[in-house]
Amino acid sequence: MPLGVQPDLIEILDIAVVEATVRNHRIRRANPAACALFGRPEAEVVGLDWEKITTPADHARLHAQIRFRQASGRRRERMMVRLLQPDGDLRHALATIVLRADPDGEEYFVVHLQDVSEEIAAQDRLRLIVENTPVSMFLIDRSGRVLVSEGTASPEAAAGLAEARASSIFTTFAYLPQATSIMRRALDGERVHQILEAFGRRLDVHLVPIPGPGGQVDTVAAVASDVTDLHLALASLRARSAEQAVVADLGRRALEAREPAELWQRAVTALADHLGADLVRAYGLDADGKRVGPLAHEDRRAPQVPTGTQRDPPRRTAAWVTTVPVGRPDRPLAVIELHRAPLEDQEREFVHAVTAVLGSAALRFQMEAEIRHRSLHDGLTGLPNRTALLDRLHRALHRAGHDGRRVGVLFVDLDGFKAVNDTLGHQAGDDLLRTTAARLSHAVRPGDVAGRLAGDEFAVLCEDVDGVADLEAIADRVVTALAAPVRLLDRPVTLTGSVGLALSNPDLADAETLLNAADIAMYTAKRNGPGQRLAYATEMRTPVAANTRQKLTRDQLKTAGADGSMLSLR
């Protein structure tokens, strides 16, 4: 049978060439390049059924092509075929098939095979990369029809691009005017880079116009990347940076603040701003963990507006309330309530950072308050000390100078207190001083301030006093209260107190002068006998009266025997 191709040419070509009959599809000749492509020696290839070295899908396509050529008269065709290797591997080849006939009329085809396995593998790898990364690439013509599209930046976008292969991107994505607008700009020759919000995602879109031979834009190449996660990460980073700035600002203010109220209010405002809470409240806690009062609050609920005779229903806060302790978990100093949806993990970290700053600040405020309290109060009785009492007296006189009211002072000294210490000991003396402080506080009016000056000396600040008679009435209650018997070391003891009264006037207008006047009156009263009270008079400021304090003694006493009978001190 004469061959369709010269033998010497087939042998020397470095291109795979095969001849096979149309009747039975058996290979009747293959050059060395074809045998190498098949992975078989020539003796095994010649006579081999073509279907033995191609996939079933390619068999059907090949038969269809042959029938089509025979019917249409076409003698040449190109198609991709997959060749089966003896070891089971596949090789991809671009087959150029030419249908010919022998002189005796038997048809055969000459197949030129170009090995494109590496190109196909590279294309598959590229497709694998594109299909598994949040990127879509596509090419559109001037009508908006998608010529090529690959990738999965968004499943919805991929579906729309596939649909636009048969229609137009302007029809498929008509519901996304921003997308169609930038595509028209690209078709007009503009390179476009824009972030689109579509399909619940953020897409970073690059459009590059590609001009044709005449200079007019024929096609537009597009790359769309899903940057939603990146934007979320950046938003999270910005939020965290904002949180850190808030916490740092609160920390700075916590170090500088002299009073806690402003810091608490700034903290609840920051929480409401950052978390979008309807309502944020901060409450102080007592030693038992019970709320003792609001420290600050920020209310973002919509206000109620009366409409006619009807009123809006009561305002409601978010159904979910998150409570966060401030301070040590076992002994919190305060608590913060957040009215909003449940907190995310990052939001909860932010709240804990804020409460950590507040906890440290609250502890500092508490310690400073305790230090101030100790510096202004007597450690034994808990009453204000001389410094605190003089400060309050100074402020009371300042207020009285503006509203025309008068301020009174009682100066109280126990009669014979030294005898208690000498006879019963200092513990008994301390007990007596604590009892005296309690009786003094109960005897005066509500709002009056009792304080301990030193030793057995006490004073009472009385504001809004109309005259001396008011002070005398208070002093009488004090004298009566102090004269009641008290048991010390299981022994009944009766002790009295001398009281001096002084009422503010133009000559007694400052704290030290007014207190000194009451002191002089007290020693004048003491000279008259124990358990007396006396109002200050100007004539008491004489050399004799001034020396009274030095001359008087509190060592006069009567004591019973050691049998536990009454001990009276005067």
Protein backbone atom coordinates (compact mmCIF):
# COMPACT_ATOMS: atom_id res chain seq x y z
CA MET A 1 0.00 0.00 0.00
CA PRO A 2 1.55 3.28 -1.00
CA LEU A 3 2.20 5.67 1.85
CA GLY A 4 0.74 9.16 1.98
CA VAL A 5 3.95 10.77 3.16
CA GLN A 6 7.47 10.26 1.89
CA PRO A 7 9.37 7.84 4.17
CA ASP A 8 12.52 9.85 4.39
CA LEU A 9 10.65 13.00 5.39
CA ILE A 10 8.65 11.23 8.11
CA GLU A 11 11.77 9.69 9.53
CA ILE A 12 13.78 12.86 9.73
CA LEU A 13 11.03 15.12 11.14
CA ASP A 14 11.29 15.84 14.86
CA ILE A 15 7.53 16.11 14.86
CA ALA A 16 5.26 13.22 15.75
CA VAL A 17 3.46 11.94 12.66
CA VAL A 18 1.10 8.98 12.52
CA GLU A 19 -0.88 7.35 9.74
CA ALA A 20 -4.01 5.34 10.64
CA THR A 21 -6.74 3.78 8.54
CA VAL A 22 -10.25 5.14 8.72
CA ARG A 23 -11.72 1.66 8.34
CA ASN A 24 -10.36 0.12 11.56
CA HIS A 25 -8.43 3.01 13.18
CA ARG A 26 -5.25 0.95 13.28
CA ILE A 27 -1.92 2.71 13.11
CA ARG A 28 -0.02 1.68 10.02
CA ARG A 29 2.95 3.93 10.44
CA ALA A 30 4.53 6.10 13.18
CA ASN A 31 7.79 8.00 13.08
CA PRO A 32 10.31 7.95 16.01
CA ALA A 33 8.95 11.20 17.44
CA ALA A 34 5.44 9.68 17.59
CA CYS A 35 6.72 6.49 19.25
CA ALA A 36 8.52 8.60 21.85
CA LEU A 37 5.29 10.52 22.49
CA PHE A 38 3.35 7.26 22.90
CA GLY A 39 6.06 5.84 25.17
CA ARG A 40 6.20 2.64 23.09
CA PRO A 41 8.62 1.11 20.53
CA GLU A 42 7.69 1.22 16.84
CA ALA A 43 7.02 -2.53 16.70
CA GLU A 44 4.38 -2.14 19.40
CA VAL A 45 2.85 1.00 17.94
CA VAL A 46 2.38 -0.21 14.35
CA GLY A 47 -0.87 -2.18 14.15
CA LEU A 48 -2.13 -0.74 17.44
CA ASP A 49 -5.76 0.37 17.54
CA TRP A 50 -5.91 4.16 17.88
CA GLU A 51 -8.51 3.74 20.59
CA LYS A 52 -5.98 1.88 22.74
CA ILE A 53 -3.85 4.99 23.15
CA THR A 54 -6.57 7.67 23.52
CA THR A 55 -9.28 8.25 26.13
CA PRO A 56 -12.89 7.13 25.49
CA ALA A 57 -14.04 10.73 25.32
CA ASP A 58 -11.53 11.40 22.58
CA HIS A 59 -12.73 8.27 20.67
CA ALA A 60 -16.21 9.70 20.41
CA ARG A 61 -14.93 13.12 19.37
CA LEU A 62 -12.65 11.58 16.75
CA HIS A 63 -15.47 9.47 15.23
CA ALA A 64 -17.73 12.50 15.18
CA GLN A 65 -15.06 14.58 13.45
CA ILE A 66 -14.46 11.88 10.82
CA ARG A 67 -18.18 11.56 10.07
CA PHE A 68 -18.49 15.32 9.88
CA ARG A 69 -15.56 15.61 7.48
CA GLN A 70 -16.85 12.81 5.27
CA ALA A 71 -20.25 14.42 5.11
CA SER A 72 -19.04 17.99 4.65
CA GLY A 73 -16.04 17.28 2.48
CA ARG A 74 -13.67 18.98 4.88
CA ARG A 75 -10.29 17.30 4.83
CA ARG A 76 -8.45 19.00 7.70
CA GLU A 77 -9.26 19.46 11.43
CA ARG A 78 -7.48 20.32 14.69
CA MET A 79 -8.39 19.00 18.11
CA MET A 80 -6.90 18.29 21.52
CA VAL A 81 -6.35 14.62 22.37
CA ARG A 82 -5.16 12.84 25.49
CA LEU A 83 -2.73 9.99 24.94
CA LEU A 84 -2.52 7.07 27.37
CA GLN A 85 1.00 6.08 28.38
CA PRO A 86 1.81 2.43 29.24
CA ASP A 87 2.31 3.46 32.87
CA GLY A 88 -1.14 5.06 32.97
CA ASP A 89 0.00 8.68 32.71
CA LEU A 90 -1.66 11.08 30.27
CA ARG A 91 0.04 13.22 27.65
CA HIS A 92 -1.78 16.13 26.03
CA ALA A 93 -1.29 16.74 22.33
CA LEU A 94 -2.64 19.14 19.74
CA ALA A 95 -3.63 16.91 16.82
CA THR A 96 -3.81 18.23 13.26
CA ILE A 97 -5.75 15.61 11.30
CA VAL A 98 -5.75 15.43 7.51
CA LEU A 99 -8.07 12.95 5.78
CA ARG A 100 -6.55 11.35 2.68
CA ALA A 101 -7.14 8.34 0.38
CA ASP A 102 -4.89 5.77 -1.25
CA PRO A 103 -4.86 5.33 -5.02
CA ASP A 104 -7.12 2.32 -4.53
CA GLY A 105 -9.60 4.55 -2.67
CA GLU A 106 -8.99 3.43 0.92
CA GLU A 107 -9.20 6.38 3.30
CA TYR A 108 -6.66 7.03 5.99
CA PHE A 109 -5.72 10.03 8.06
CA VAL A 110 -2.38 11.59 8.72
CA VAL A 111 -2.08 12.98 12.23
CA HIS A 112 0.50 15.55 13.27
CA LEU A 113 0.81 15.50 17.09
CA GLN A 114 2.31 18.44 19.02
CA ASP A 115 3.05 17.63 22.68
CA VAL A 116 1.49 20.41 24.80
CA SER A 117 1.52 18.53 28.10
CA GLU A 118 3.72 21.10 29.83
CA GLU A 119 1.58 23.97 28.59
CA ILE A 120 -1.59 22.19 29.71
CA ALA A 121 -0.02 21.40 33.10
CA ALA A 122 1.03 25.04 33.52
CA GLN A 123 -2.44 26.17 32.51
CA ASP A 124 -4.01 23.74 34.98
CA ARG A 125 -1.72 24.94 37.74
CA LEU A 126 -2.58 28.53 36.96
CA ARG A 127 -6.28 27.68 36.89
CA LEU A 128 -5.87 25.84 40.20
CA ILE A 129 -4.24 28.91 41.71
CA VAL A 130 -6.86 31.28 40.32
CA GLU A 131 -9.77 29.07 41.34
CA ASN A 132 -8.48 28.71 44.89
CA THR A 133 -7.57 32.32 45.56
CA PRO A 134 -10.01 35.21 46.02
CA VAL A 135 -9.21 36.59 42.56
CA SER A 136 -11.24 36.77 39.35
CA MET A 137 -9.82 37.68 35.93
CA PHE A 138 -11.94 38.38 32.89
CA LEU A 139 -11.90 40.06 29.51
CA ILE A 140 -14.87 41.90 28.00
CA ASP A 141 -15.48 43.41 24.59
CA ARG A 142 -17.07 46.75 23.78
CA SER A 143 -20.57 45.35 24.05
CA GLY A 144 -19.89 44.13 27.57
CA ARG A 145 -19.82 40.46 26.63
CA VAL A 146 -17.40 38.41 28.68
CA LEU A 147 -14.88 36.72 26.41
CA VAL A 148 -12.86 34.92 29.09
CA SER A 149 -13.31 34.60 32.84
CA GLU A 150 -11.50 32.64 35.50
CA GLY A 151 -11.32 32.73 39.29
CA THR A 152 -13.61 32.86 42.28
CA ALA A 153 -13.32 36.29 43.87
CA SER A 154 -17.00 35.79 44.63
CA PRO A 155 -19.32 32.88 43.70
CA GLU A 156 -22.02 35.38 42.75
CA ALA A 157 -19.58 37.33 40.59
CA ALA A 158 -18.33 34.14 38.91
CA ALA A 159 -21.91 33.12 38.11
CA GLY A 160 -22.67 36.56 36.71
CA LEU A 161 -19.56 36.56 34.54
CA ALA A 162 -20.44 33.12 33.19
CA GLU A 163 -23.91 34.39 32.31
CA ALA A 164 -22.41 37.48 30.65
CA ARG A 165 -20.56 35.24 28.15
CA ALA A 166 -23.84 34.93 26.28
CA SER A 167 -25.28 38.36 27.07
CA SER A 168 -23.59 41.46 28.48
CA ILE A 169 -22.06 42.51 31.75
CA PHE A 170 -24.27 45.60 31.62
CA THR A 171 -27.34 43.38 31.66
CA THR A 172 -26.12 40.77 34.12
CA PHE A 173 -24.89 43.34 36.66
CA ALA A 174 -27.48 46.05 36.02
CA TYR A 175 -28.40 45.93 39.72
CA LEU A 176 -24.84 47.06 40.57
CA PRO A 177 -24.67 50.55 39.02
CA GLN A 178 -21.25 51.25 40.53
CA ALA A 179 -19.81 48.18 38.76
CA THR A 180 -21.31 49.01 35.36
CA SER A 181 -20.24 52.65 35.74
CA ILE A 182 -16.55 51.85 36.20
CA MET A 183 -16.73 49.38 33.29
CA ARG A 184 -18.03 52.15 30.99
CA ARG A 185 -15.21 54.40 32.18
CA ALA A 186 -12.70 51.70 31.25
CA LEU A 187 -14.28 51.27 27.81
CA ASP A 188 -13.86 55.02 27.37
CA GLY A 189 -10.12 54.56 27.86
CA GLU A 190 -9.65 55.19 31.59
CA ARG A 191 -7.59 52.87 33.79
CA VAL A 192 -9.77 52.27 36.83
CA HIS A 193 -8.91 51.08 40.33
CA GLN A 194 -11.77 51.03 42.82
CA ILE A 195 -13.12 49.15 45.83
CA LEU A 196 -16.61 47.81 45.18
CA GLU A 197 -19.03 46.63 47.81
CA ALA A 198 -21.03 43.81 46.26
CA PHE A 199 -22.46 40.44 47.25
CA GLY A 200 -21.76 41.24 50.89
CA ARG A 201 -18.03 41.45 50.16
CA ARG A 202 -15.42 44.09 49.32
CA LEU A 203 -13.78 43.65 45.91
CA ASP A 204 -10.61 45.43 44.80
CA VAL A 205 -11.15 45.92 41.05
CA HIS A 206 -8.50 46.91 38.47
CA LEU A 207 -9.67 47.63 34.90
CA VAL A 208 -7.20 48.13 32.04
CA PRO A 209 -8.47 49.25 28.62
CA ILE A 210 -6.81 47.47 25.67
CA PRO A 211 -6.87 49.44 22.39
CA GLY A 212 -7.34 47.75 19.05
CA PRO A 213 -5.44 48.39 15.79
CA GLY A 214 -7.32 51.61 15.19
CA GLY A 215 -6.50 53.00 18.63
CA GLN A 216 -10.05 52.59 19.98
CA VAL A 217 -10.59 50.43 23.05
CA ASP A 218 -11.66 46.99 21.87
CA THR A 219 -11.51 45.07 25.14
CA VAL A 220 -11.03 45.62 28.85
CA ALA A 221 -8.94 43.33 31.03
CA ALA A 222 -10.15 43.11 34.61
CA VAL A 223 -8.79 41.68 37.84
CA ALA A 224 -11.01 41.56 40.95
CA SER A 225 -9.65 40.50 44.34
CA ASP A 226 -11.70 39.79 47.45
CA VAL A 227 -10.20 42.07 50.12
CA THR A 228 -13.00 41.66 52.65
CA ASP A 229 -10.79 39.88 55.17
CA LEU A 230 -8.08 42.50 54.72
CA HIS A 231 -10.56 45.31 55.34
CA LEU A 232 -11.91 43.50 58.37
CA ALA A 233 -8.38 43.05 59.69
CA LEU A 234 -7.60 46.72 59.10
CA ALA A 235 -10.87 47.72 60.75
CA SER A 236 -10.01 45.48 63.69
CA LEU A 237 -6.54 47.03 63.86
CA ARG A 238 -8.01 50.53 63.78
CA ALA A 239 -10.52 49.57 66.45
CA ARG A 240 -7.80 48.08 68.62
CA SER A 241 -5.65 51.19 68.14
CA ALA A 242 -8.61 53.35 69.11
CA GLU A 243 -9.19 51.16 72.16
CA GLN A 244 -5.54 51.46 73.17
CA ALA A 245 -5.75 55.24 72.77
CA VAL A 246 -8.83 55.35 75.00
CA VAL A 247 -7.20 53.17 77.64
CA ALA A 248 -3.98 55.23 77.49
CA ASP A 249 -5.95 58.46 77.87
CA LEU A 250 -7.87 57.05 80.83
CA GLY A 251 -4.60 55.87 82.36
CA ARG A 252 -3.11 59.34 82.06
CA ARG A 253 -6.20 60.95 83.53
CA ALA A 254 -6.28 58.38 86.31
CA LEU A 255 -2.79 59.48 87.35
CA GLU A 256 -3.65 63.18 87.17
CA ALA A 257 -7.21 63.18 88.52
CA ARG A 258 -7.77 64.64 91.96
CA GLU A 259 -11.42 63.66 92.14
CA PRO A 260 -12.92 60.41 90.79
CA ALA A 261 -16.21 61.79 89.40
CA GLU A 262 -14.73 63.19 86.18
CA LEU A 263 -12.74 60.02 85.52
CA TRP A 264 -15.76 57.77 86.02
CA GLN A 265 -17.87 59.90 83.68
CA ARG A 266 -15.19 59.92 81.00
CA ALA A 267 -14.87 56.14 81.28
CA VAL A 268 -18.60 55.40 80.86
CA THR A 269 -18.78 57.90 77.98
CA ALA A 270 -15.84 56.18 76.26
CA LEU A 271 -17.49 52.78 76.71
CA ALA A 272 -20.78 54.04 75.29
CA ASP A 273 -19.00 55.65 72.31
CA HIS A 274 -16.80 52.69 71.46
CA LEU A 275 -19.30 49.90 72.07
CA GLY A 276 -22.44 51.66 70.85
CA ALA A 277 -24.20 50.89 74.14
CA ASP A 278 -27.66 52.31 74.86
CA LEU A 279 -26.87 52.83 78.51
CA VAL A 280 -23.73 52.54 80.65
CA ARG A 281 -23.89 52.84 84.44
CA ALA A 282 -21.21 52.69 87.13
CA TYR A 283 -22.07 51.95 90.77
CA GLY A 284 -19.94 51.99 93.88
CA LEU A 285 -19.95 48.93 96.15
CA ASP A 286 -19.65 48.68 99.92
CA ALA A 287 -17.57 46.11 101.80
CA ASP A 288 -20.42 43.58 101.44
CA GLY A 289 -20.62 44.05 97.67
CA LYS A 290 -23.91 45.98 97.82
CA ARG A 291 -24.47 48.99 95.61
CA VAL A 292 -24.13 52.25 97.51
CA GLY A 293 -24.92 54.74 94.79
CA PRO A 294 -24.28 55.71 91.16
CA LEU A 295 -20.82 56.96 90.23
CA ALA A 296 -21.57 57.94 86.62
CA HIS A 297 -23.87 57.06 83.74
CA GLU A 298 -24.20 57.68 80.00
CA ASP A 299 -27.70 57.34 78.54
CA ARG A 300 -28.00 57.10 74.74
CA ARG A 301 -31.61 55.95 74.65
CA ALA A 302 -34.04 57.94 72.54
CA PRO A 303 -35.83 60.57 74.66
CA GLN A 304 -39.53 60.32 75.34
CA VAL A 305 -41.55 62.95 73.52
CA PRO A 306 -45.14 63.67 74.66
CA THR A 307 -47.60 63.61 71.75
CA GLY A 308 -51.00 65.10 72.55
CA THR A 309 -52.59 63.30 75.46
CA GLN A 310 -50.61 60.17 74.74
CA ARG A 311 -47.07 59.59 75.94
CA ASP A 312 -44.45 57.31 74.56
CA PRO A 313 -44.10 54.00 76.40
CA PRO A 314 -41.32 53.84 78.96
CA ARG A 315 -37.88 53.84 77.38
CA ARG A 316 -36.27 50.46 77.20
CA THR A 317 -32.64 49.57 77.21
CA ALA A 318 -31.08 46.68 75.36
CA ALA A 319 -32.40 43.38 76.67
CA TRP A 320 -28.86 42.12 77.28
CA VAL A 321 -26.98 43.59 80.24
CA THR A 322 -23.30 42.86 80.82
CA THR A 323 -22.00 43.49 84.33
CA VAL A 324 -18.26 43.95 84.82
CA PRO A 325 -16.62 44.30 88.26
CA VAL A 326 -14.05 47.03 88.88
CA GLY A 327 -11.14 46.22 91.16
CA ARG A 328 -10.14 42.89 92.63
CA PRO A 329 -12.46 40.04 91.57
CA ASP A 330 -12.91 38.90 95.17
CA ARG A 331 -13.47 42.43 96.52
CA PRO A 332 -14.63 44.75 93.74
CA LEU A 333 -14.87 48.45 94.52
CA ALA A 334 -17.46 49.19 91.86
CA VAL A 335 -19.41 47.62 89.01
CA ILE A 336 -20.17 48.74 85.45
CA GLU A 337 -23.38 47.82 83.62
CA LEU A 338 -23.43 47.77 79.80
CA HIS A 339 -26.84 47.71 78.09
CA ARG A 340 -26.25 46.34 74.58
CA ALA A 341 -25.90 43.11 72.63
CA PRO A 342 -23.45 40.49 73.97
CA LEU A 343 -19.83 41.57 73.71
CA GLU A 344 -17.40 40.11 71.20
CA ASP A 345 -14.07 38.84 72.52
CA GLN A 346 -12.15 41.95 71.47
CA GLU A 347 -14.81 44.23 72.95
CA ARG A 348 -14.69 42.29 76.20
CA GLU A 349 -10.89 42.74 76.29
CA PHE A 350 -11.40 46.48 75.83
CA VAL A 351 -13.91 46.64 78.68
CA HIS A 352 -11.57 44.70 80.96
CA ALA A 353 -8.72 47.07 80.08
CA VAL A 354 -10.89 50.07 80.98
CA THR A 355 -12.03 48.49 84.24
CA ALA A 356 -8.42 47.61 85.08
CA VAL A 357 -7.50 51.30 84.81
CA LEU A 358 -10.57 52.27 86.82
CA GLY A 359 -9.81 49.62 89.43
CA SER A 360 -6.30 50.97 89.97
CA ALA A 361 -7.60 54.53 90.06
CA ALA A 362 -10.42 53.62 92.46
CA LEU A 363 -7.94 51.95 94.77
CA ARG A 364 -5.77 55.05 94.67
CA PHE A 365 -8.75 57.31 95.38
CA GLN A 366 -9.76 55.03 98.23
CA MET A 367 -6.28 55.07 99.74
CA GLU A 368 -6.02 58.84 99.35
CA ALA A 369 -9.45 59.26 100.91
CA GLU A 370 -8.40 57.08 103.82
CA ILE A 371 -5.21 59.10 104.23
CA ARG A 372 -7.16 62.36 104.11
CA HIS A 373 -9.69 60.96 106.55
CA ARG A 374 -6.95 59.92 108.95
CA SER A 375 -5.26 63.28 108.61
CA LEU A 376 -8.50 65.10 109.37
CA HIS A 377 -10.02 62.77 111.95
CA ASP A 378 -9.09 61.62 115.41
CA GLY A 379 -7.90 58.04 115.31
CA LEU A 380 -9.41 57.18 118.70
CA THR A 381 -12.93 58.60 118.43
CA GLY A 382 -13.35 58.99 114.67
CA LEU A 383 -14.41 62.62 115.13
CA PRO A 384 -12.95 65.44 113.01
CA ASN A 385 -9.67 66.64 114.50
CA ARG A 386 -8.62 70.22 115.26
CA THR A 387 -7.43 70.87 111.69
CA ALA A 388 -10.66 69.59 110.12
CA LEU A 389 -12.85 71.40 112.63
CA LEU A 390 -11.07 74.72 112.09
CA ASP A 391 -11.40 74.26 108.30
CA ARG A 392 -15.13 73.61 108.60
CA LEU A 393 -15.48 76.54 110.99
CA HIS A 394 -13.65 78.79 108.54
CA ARG A 395 -15.97 77.77 105.69
CA ALA A 396 -19.04 78.14 107.90
CA LEU A 397 -18.01 81.69 108.87
CA HIS A 398 -17.41 82.49 105.19
CA ARG A 399 -20.93 81.32 104.29
CA ALA A 400 -22.42 83.16 107.25
CA GLY A 401 -20.73 86.38 106.12
CA HIS A 402 -22.61 86.17 102.82
CA ASP A 403 -26.10 85.30 104.09
CA GLY A 404 -26.10 87.20 107.40
CA ARG A 405 -26.37 84.12 109.60
CA ARG A 406 -24.38 83.46 112.75
CA VAL A 407 -22.15 80.58 113.77
CA GLY A 408 -21.71 79.21 117.27
CA VAL A 409 -18.99 77.11 118.92
CA LEU A 410 -19.11 74.95 122.06
CA PHE A 411 -15.78 74.21 123.74
CA VAL A 412 -16.08 71.12 125.98
CA ASP A 413 -13.54 69.97 128.55
CA LEU A 414 -14.02 66.92 130.78
CA ASP A 415 -13.79 67.60 134.51
CA GLY A 416 -11.27 65.33 136.21
CA PHE A 417 -10.29 63.23 133.19
CA LYS A 418 -6.68 62.98 134.42
CA ALA A 419 -7.91 61.14 137.50
CA VAL A 420 -9.45 58.41 135.32
CA ASN A 421 -6.13 57.80 133.56
CA ASP A 422 -4.20 57.86 136.83
CA THR A 423 -6.68 55.64 138.71
CA LEU A 424 -8.05 53.23 136.10
CA GLY A 425 -5.36 53.36 133.42
CA HIS A 426 -5.10 54.67 129.87
CA GLN A 427 -7.34 51.94 128.40
CA ALA A 428 -10.17 53.12 130.62
CA GLY A 429 -9.37 56.71 129.64
CA ASP A 430 -9.60 55.79 125.95
CA ASP A 431 -12.93 54.04 126.52
CA LEU A 432 -14.21 57.15 128.30
CA LEU A 433 -13.14 59.40 125.41
CA ARG A 434 -14.94 57.17 122.88
CA THR A 435 -18.08 57.21 125.06
CA THR A 436 -17.85 61.00 125.36
CA ALA A 437 -17.56 61.36 121.56
CA ALA A 438 -20.66 59.21 121.00
CA ARG A 439 -22.71 61.09 123.65
CA LEU A 440 -21.60 64.43 122.27
CA SER A 441 -22.61 63.51 118.71
CA HIS A 442 -26.08 62.41 119.87
CA ALA A 443 -26.66 65.45 122.08
CA VAL A 444 -26.15 68.12 119.42
CA ARG A 445 -28.52 69.01 116.59
CA PRO A 446 -28.53 67.19 113.25
CA GLY A 447 -26.01 69.01 111.07
CA ASP A 448 -23.87 70.18 113.97
CA VAL A 449 -20.27 68.93 113.83
CA ALA A 450 -18.55 67.55 116.92
CA GLY A 451 -14.77 67.22 116.94
CA ARG A 452 -11.93 66.30 119.26
CA LEU A 453 -9.30 69.01 119.66
CA ALA A 454 -6.78 67.26 121.92
CA GLY A 455 -6.72 65.16 125.09
CA ASP A 456 -10.10 65.53 126.77
CA GLU A 457 -11.02 68.70 124.86
CA PHE A 458 -13.88 68.64 122.36
CA ALA A 459 -15.66 71.29 120.32
CA VAL A 460 -18.98 71.54 118.51
CA LEU A 461 -19.63 73.67 115.40
CA CYS A 462 -23.21 74.96 115.20
CA GLU A 463 -24.37 76.78 112.06
CA ASP A 464 -27.57 78.81 111.59
CA VAL A 465 -27.77 79.92 115.22
CA ASP A 466 -30.18 82.77 115.95
CA GLY A 467 -28.73 83.75 119.32
CA VAL A 468 -26.99 82.75 122.54
CA ALA A 469 -30.15 81.07 123.82
CA ASP A 470 -29.92 78.50 121.01
CA LEU A 471 -26.32 77.72 121.96
CA GLU A 472 -27.21 77.47 125.64
CA ALA A 473 -29.95 74.94 124.86
CA ILE A 474 -27.46 72.79 122.95
CA ALA A 475 -24.88 73.17 125.74
CA ASP A 476 -27.43 72.08 128.36
CA ARG A 477 -28.06 68.86 126.42
CA VAL A 478 -24.32 68.26 126.21
CA VAL A 479 -23.82 68.80 129.98
CA THR A 480 -26.70 66.44 130.76
CA ALA A 481 -25.44 63.75 128.36
CA LEU A 482 -21.91 63.83 129.75
CA ALA A 483 -23.09 63.62 133.37
CA ALA A 484 -24.70 60.20 132.89
CA PRO A 485 -22.75 57.40 134.65
CA VAL A 486 -20.50 55.18 132.55
CA ARG A 487 -18.98 51.81 133.43
CA LEU A 488 -15.23 51.54 133.09
CA LEU A 489 -13.55 48.23 133.99
CA ASP A 490 -16.84 47.14 135.57
CA ARG A 491 -16.84 50.22 137.81
CA PRO A 492 -19.48 52.94 137.57
CA VAL A 493 -17.89 56.32 136.96
CA THR A 494 -19.58 59.69 136.94
CA LEU A 495 -17.81 62.44 135.07
CA THR A 496 -18.96 65.92 134.13
CA GLY A 497 -17.91 68.38 131.49
CA SER A 498 -17.49 72.14 131.41
CA VAL A 499 -18.78 73.94 128.32
CA GLY A 500 -17.88 77.37 126.94
CA LEU A 501 -20.08 79.06 124.32
CA ALA A 502 -19.13 81.67 121.73
CA LEU A 503 -21.28 83.22 119.00
CA SER A 504 -19.82 84.89 115.92
CA ASN A 505 -19.96 88.66 115.59
CA PRO A 506 -17.81 91.32 113.91
CA ASP A 507 -15.18 90.90 116.65
CA LEU A 508 -15.30 87.10 116.46
CA ALA A 509 -15.25 86.66 112.70
CA ASP A 510 -12.43 84.17 112.14
CA ALA A 511 -12.15 80.53 113.17
CA GLU A 512 -9.23 80.75 115.59
CA THR A 513 -10.63 83.81 117.38
CA LEU A 514 -14.09 82.28 117.77
CA LEU A 515 -12.71 78.96 119.04
CA ASN A 516 -10.40 80.78 121.47
CA ALA A 517 -13.35 82.77 122.80
CA ALA A 518 -15.25 79.54 123.49
CA ASP A 519 -12.12 78.17 125.19
CA ILE A 520 -11.95 81.22 127.49
CA ALA A 521 -15.64 80.85 128.31
CA MET A 522 -15.14 77.16 129.13
CA TYR A 523 -12.39 77.86 131.65
CA THR A 524 -14.42 80.65 133.16
CA ALA A 525 -17.28 78.16 133.58
CA LYS A 526 -14.90 75.58 135.03
CA ARG A 527 -13.81 78.14 137.64
CA ASN A 528 -17.45 78.32 138.73
CA GLY A 529 -17.55 74.56 139.33
CA PRO A 530 -17.70 71.28 137.38
CA GLY A 531 -20.55 70.58 134.95
CA GLN A 532 -21.22 74.26 134.17
CA ARG A 533 -21.76 76.06 130.88
CA LEU A 534 -21.12 79.73 130.21
CA ALA A 535 -21.36 82.05 127.20
CA TYR A 536 -18.41 84.18 126.21
CA ALA A 537 -18.38 87.84 127.15
CA THR A 538 -15.82 90.46 126.17
CA GLU A 539 -14.84 91.15 129.79
CA MET A 540 -13.56 87.59 130.07
CA ARG A 541 -10.49 88.73 128.10
CA THR A 542 -8.66 90.04 131.19
CA PRO A 543 -5.23 89.07 132.48
CA VAL A 544 -6.85 87.15 135.34
CA ALA A 545 -9.18 85.28 133.01
CA ALA A 546 -6.35 84.58 130.62
CA ASN A 547 -4.37 82.91 133.39
CA THR A 548 -7.32 80.89 134.61
CA ARG A 549 -6.42 77.95 132.37
CA GLN A 550 -2.97 77.72 133.89
CA LYS A 551 -4.19 77.97 137.48
CA LEU A 552 -7.08 75.55 137.38
CA THR A 553 -6.38 71.96 138.29
CA ARG A 554 -8.30 68.86 137.36
CA ASP A 555 -6.82 66.77 140.11
CA GLN A 556 -9.75 67.27 142.52
CA LEU A 557 -11.40 63.92 142.96
CA LYS A 558 -13.23 61.64 145.36
CA THR A 559 -12.71 57.93 145.06
CA ALA A 560 -14.30 55.08 146.89
CA GLY A 561 -12.38 52.07 148.08
CA ALA A 562 -11.39 49.12 146.00
CA ASP A 563 -14.72 47.43 146.64
CA GLY A 564 -16.19 48.75 143.36
CA SER A 565 -18.32 51.55 144.81
CA MET A 566 -19.01 54.80 142.91
CA LEU A 567 -16.03 56.80 141.69
CA SER A 568 -16.85 60.50 141.17
CA LEU A 569 -14.50 62.86 139.44
CA ARG A 570 -14.84 66.64 139.57
